[in-house]
């Protein structure tokens, strides 16, 4: 179990590092082993800085499901789960 949690934590850290390199995406160091909260900001369009709009567009255009941050009282974010 410890090995699994350790692997999940490494994966979340790697994901956070790579997302932080993308313009308009800001990730705090993950606190849980498999979840990453991504804040949306400029240079993303104003529309895509809304977590619900971003999540909808990502699903429609790329087939990737993320949870809108509003589910976690963070309307300017989305949450990803890594494995």
C-alpha atoms as a PDB file:
ATOM      1  CA  UNK A   1       0.000   0.000   0.000  1.00  0.00           C
ATOM      2  CA  UNK A   2       2.834   2.408   0.793  1.00  0.00           C
ATOM      3  CA  UNK A   3       4.401   1.760  -2.604  1.00  0.00           C
ATOM      4  CA  UNK A   4       1.118   2.555  -4.340  1.00  0.00           C
ATOM      5  CA  UNK A   5       0.615   5.786  -2.393  1.00  0.00           C
ATOM      6  CA  UNK A   6       4.211   6.777  -3.084  1.00  0.00           C
ATOM      7  CA  UNK A   7       3.785   6.132  -6.819  1.00  0.00           C
ATOM      8  CA  UNK A   8       0.541   8.135  -6.894  1.00  0.00           C
ATOM      9  CA  UNK A   9       2.214  11.038  -5.077  1.00  0.00           C
ATOM     10  CA  UNK A  10       5.113  11.020  -7.571  1.00  0.00           C
ATOM     11  CA  UNK A  11       2.683  10.987 -10.496  1.00  0.00           C
ATOM     12  CA  UNK A  12       0.715  13.902  -9.041  1.00  0.00           C
ATOM     13  CA  UNK A  13       3.925  15.887  -8.492  1.00  0.00           C
ATOM     14  CA  UNK A  14       5.068  15.211 -12.059  1.00  0.00           C
ATOM     15  CA  UNK A  15       1.679  16.273 -13.411  1.00  0.00           C
ATOM     16  CA  UNK A  16       1.756  19.459 -11.328  1.00  0.00           C
ATOM     17  CA  UNK A  17       5.252  20.298 -12.553  1.00  0.00           C
ATOM     18  CA  UNK A  18       4.273  19.877 -16.197  1.00  0.00           C
ATOM     19  CA  UNK A  19       0.992  21.771 -15.881  1.00  0.00           C
ATOM     20  CA  UNK A  20       2.767  24.659 -14.165  1.00  0.00           C
ATOM     21  CA  UNK A  21       4.889  24.996 -17.307  1.00  0.00           C
ATOM     22  CA  UNK A  22       1.755  25.690 -19.393  1.00  0.00           C
ATOM     23  CA  UNK A  23       0.655  29.331 -19.758  1.00  0.00           C
ATOM     24  CA  UNK A  24      -2.440  30.121 -17.692  1.00  0.00           C
ATOM     25  CA  UNK A  25      -2.302  26.972 -15.553  1.00  0.00           C
ATOM     26  CA  UNK A  26      -1.145  27.146 -11.942  1.00  0.00           C
ATOM     27  CA  UNK A  27      -0.910  24.129  -9.676  1.00  0.00           C
ATOM     28  CA  UNK A  28      -0.064  24.098  -5.987  1.00  0.00           C
ATOM     29  CA  UNK A  29       2.031  21.177  -4.819  1.00  0.00           C
ATOM     30  CA  UNK A  30      -0.454  18.299  -4.468  1.00  0.00           C
ATOM     31  CA  UNK A  31      -1.517  17.559  -0.895  1.00  0.00           C
ATOM     32  CA  UNK A  32      -3.272  14.295  -1.665  1.00  0.00           C
ATOM     33  CA  UNK A  33      -1.688  11.420  -3.519  1.00  0.00           C
ATOM     34  CA  UNK A  34      -3.890  11.473  -6.611  1.00  0.00           C
ATOM     35  CA  UNK A  35      -5.560  14.879  -6.913  1.00  0.00           C
ATOM     36  CA  UNK A  36      -4.321  18.081  -8.516  1.00  0.00           C
ATOM     37  CA  UNK A  37      -6.210  21.396  -8.385  1.00  0.00           C
ATOM     38  CA  UNK A  38      -5.366  23.588 -11.387  1.00  0.00           C
ATOM     39  CA  UNK A  39      -6.093  27.326 -11.200  1.00  0.00           C
ATOM     40  CA  UNK A  40      -6.967  28.947 -14.525  1.00  0.00           C
ATOM     41  CA  UNK A  41      -5.716  32.446 -15.363  1.00  0.00           C
ATOM     42  CA  UNK A  42      -4.448  34.684 -18.169  1.00  0.00           C
ATOM     43  CA  UNK A  43      -3.356  34.195 -20.887  1.00  0.00           C
ATOM     44  CA  UNK A  44      -6.354  31.837 -21.102  1.00  0.00           C
ATOM     45  CA  UNK A  45      -9.395  33.604 -22.489  1.00  0.00           C
ATOM     46  CA  UNK A  46     -11.721  35.058 -19.878  1.00  0.00           C
ATOM     47  CA  UNK A  47     -14.282  32.374 -20.761  1.00  0.00           C
ATOM     48  CA  UNK A  48     -11.800  29.544 -20.142  1.00  0.00           C
ATOM     49  CA  UNK A  49     -10.778  30.947 -16.762  1.00  0.00           C
ATOM     50  CA  UNK A  50     -14.117  29.591 -15.530  1.00  0.00           C
ATOM     51  CA  UNK A  51     -13.668  25.994 -14.357  1.00  0.00           C
ATOM     52  CA  UNK A  52     -17.023  24.819 -15.693  1.00  0.00           C
ATOM     53  CA  UNK A  53     -16.392  26.276 -19.155  1.00  0.00           C
ATOM     54  CA  UNK A  54     -12.842  24.881 -19.211  1.00  0.00           C
ATOM     55  CA  UNK A  55     -14.028  21.405 -18.141  1.00  0.00           C
ATOM     56  CA  UNK A  56     -16.804  21.393 -20.734  1.00  0.00           C
ATOM     57  CA  UNK A  57     -14.500  22.502 -23.553  1.00  0.00           C
ATOM     58  CA  UNK A  58     -11.787  20.003 -22.578  1.00  0.00           C
ATOM     59  CA  UNK A  59     -14.328  17.177 -22.616  1.00  0.00           C
ATOM     60  CA  UNK A  60     -15.876  18.240 -25.930  1.00  0.00           C
ATOM     61  CA  UNK A  61     -12.625  18.920 -27.778  1.00  0.00           C
ATOM     62  CA  UNK A  62     -10.195  16.420 -26.261  1.00  0.00           C
ATOM     63  CA  UNK A  63     -12.376  13.782 -24.584  1.00  0.00           C
ATOM     64  CA  UNK A  64     -10.709  14.499 -21.220  1.00  0.00           C
ATOM     65  CA  UNK A  65     -12.893  14.627 -18.109  1.00  0.00           C
ATOM     66  CA  UNK A  66     -11.955  16.907 -15.218  1.00  0.00           C
ATOM     67  CA  UNK A  67     -14.097  18.166 -12.370  1.00  0.00           C
ATOM     68  CA  UNK A  68     -14.973  21.863 -12.360  1.00  0.00           C
ATOM     69  CA  UNK A  69     -13.419  23.616  -9.386  1.00  0.00           C
ATOM     70  CA  UNK A  70     -16.829  24.914  -8.291  1.00  0.00           C
ATOM     71  CA  UNK A  71     -17.356  21.439  -6.797  1.00  0.00           C
ATOM     72  CA  UNK A  72     -14.567  22.412  -4.361  1.00  0.00           C
ATOM     73  CA  UNK A  73     -15.442  26.092  -3.870  1.00  0.00           C
ATOM     74  CA  UNK A  74     -12.850  27.102  -6.491  1.00  0.00           C
ATOM     75  CA  UNK A  75     -14.765  28.332  -9.574  1.00  0.00           C
ATOM     76  CA  UNK A  76     -11.548  29.427 -11.331  1.00  0.00           C
ATOM     77  CA  UNK A  77     -10.062  25.919 -11.248  1.00  0.00           C
ATOM     78  CA  UNK A  78     -10.447  22.313 -12.321  1.00  0.00           C
ATOM     79  CA  UNK A  79      -9.445  19.151 -10.470  1.00  0.00           C
ATOM     80  CA  UNK A  80      -7.609  16.301 -12.122  1.00  0.00           C
ATOM     81  CA  UNK A  81      -7.100  12.809 -10.827  1.00  0.00           C
ATOM     82  CA  UNK A  82      -3.893  11.013 -11.675  1.00  0.00           C
ATOM     83  CA  UNK A  83      -2.961   7.374 -11.388  1.00  0.00           C
END
